Protein backbone atom coordinates (compact mmCIF):
# COMPACT_ATOMS: atom_id res chain seq x y z
CA MET A 1 0.00 0.00 0.00
CA VAL A 2 1.18 3.49 -0.84
CA LYS A 3 1.93 5.81 2.08
CA VAL A 4 0.49 9.26 1.31
CA ARG A 5 0.56 12.25 3.64
CA LYS A 6 -3.07 13.26 3.84
CA THR A 7 -4.19 16.87 3.68
CA LYS A 8 -7.00 18.36 5.77
CA LEU A 9 -9.32 17.99 2.79
CA MET A 10 -8.43 14.31 2.42
CA LYS A 11 -9.16 13.72 6.11
CA ARG A 12 -12.49 15.56 5.80
CA VAL A 13 -13.50 13.37 2.86
CA GLU A 14 -12.49 10.23 4.77
CA ARG A 15 -14.79 11.28 7.61
CA SER A 16 -17.67 12.02 5.24
CA VAL A 17 -17.44 8.66 3.42
CA ARG A 18 -16.54 6.78 6.63
CA MET A 19 -13.64 4.81 5.17
CA PRO A 20 -9.99 5.39 4.24
CA LEU A 21 -9.45 7.03 0.86
CA GLU A 22 -7.36 4.05 -0.23
CA GLU A 23 -10.57 1.98 -0.10
CA ALA A 24 -13.15 4.69 -0.81
CA ILE A 25 -11.75 6.00 -4.11
CA PRO A 26 -11.70 2.66 -6.00
CA LYS A 27 -15.06 1.62 -4.52
CA LEU A 28 -16.87 4.88 -5.30
CA VAL A 29 -15.41 5.21 -8.80
CA THR A 30 -16.40 1.60 -9.56
CA ASP A 31 -19.89 1.88 -8.06
CA LEU A 32 -20.83 5.43 -9.11
CA GLY A 33 -18.54 6.32 -12.00
CA PHE A 34 -15.84 8.98 -12.01
CA GLY A 35 -18.01 12.11 -12.14
CA ASN A 36 -20.55 10.92 -9.58
CA ALA A 37 -17.78 9.76 -7.23
CA ALA A 38 -16.22 13.24 -7.37
CA GLU A 39 -19.64 14.78 -6.69
CA ARG A 40 -20.31 12.37 -3.79
CA MET A 41 -16.97 13.32 -2.19
CA LYS A 42 -17.63 17.03 -2.96
CA LEU A 43 -14.44 17.26 -5.05
CA SER A 44 -13.68 18.62 -8.48
CA LYS A 45 -12.91 16.02 -11.14
CA PRO A 46 -9.29 17.21 -11.45
CA THR A 47 -8.81 16.83 -7.67
CA LEU A 48 -10.20 13.28 -7.74
CA HIS A 49 -7.93 12.47 -10.69
CA TYR A 50 -4.92 13.87 -8.80
CA TRP A 51 -5.80 11.80 -5.72
CA MET A 52 -6.18 8.68 -7.88
CA THR A 53 -2.67 9.33 -9.18
CA LYS A 54 -1.30 9.83 -5.66
CA PHE A 55 -2.92 6.61 -4.40
CA HIS A 56 -1.97 4.66 -7.56
CA VAL A 57 -5.61 3.92 -8.44
CA ARG A 58 -5.89 2.86 -12.08
CA THR A 59 -9.06 2.80 -14.13
CA VAL A 60 -9.80 0.51 -17.03
CA ILE A 61 -12.74 1.03 -19.36
CA VAL A 62 -14.31 -2.16 -20.64
CA ALA A 63 -17.16 -2.37 -23.15
CA VAL A 64 -19.38 -5.40 -22.58
CA GLY A 65 -22.29 -6.42 -24.79
CA GLU A 66 -25.75 -7.12 -23.44
CA GLU A 67 -25.28 -10.89 -23.53
CA ASP A 68 -21.63 -10.85 -22.40
CA VAL A 69 -20.28 -11.55 -18.94
CA LEU A 70 -16.96 -10.19 -17.73
CA ALA A 71 -15.15 -11.52 -14.67
CA MET A 72 -11.94 -10.04 -13.30
CA GLN A 73 -9.78 -10.57 -10.26
CA ARG A 74 -6.84 -8.82 -8.66
CA THR A 75 -3.53 -10.65 -8.81
CA GLY A 76 -0.98 -10.65 -5.99
CA ARG A 77 1.06 -8.07 -7.92
CA GLY A 78 -1.73 -5.49 -7.75
CA GLU A 79 -2.71 -6.10 -11.37
CA ILE A 80 -6.08 -7.19 -12.70
CA GLU A 81 -6.46 -10.25 -14.88
CA ARG A 82 -9.37 -11.47 -16.95
CA LEU A 83 -10.86 -14.82 -16.00
């Protein structure tokens, strides 16, 4: 895990979402999408993008058809592989 010195704003957001940013950012971006996650945390999109860079959170866009199923898992190296 990456050790990041957290600003007052980061600590405020952690309190509002009730979880560490290291967990909250990937979860909210996955569940809500990038723009809605920024709105939920009351951040600008550039600030959320900067924090994602600081915490080494990567995003991958995947297009899946209506009949398709996509399964992914995290490897021990912090990478994601397709099943």
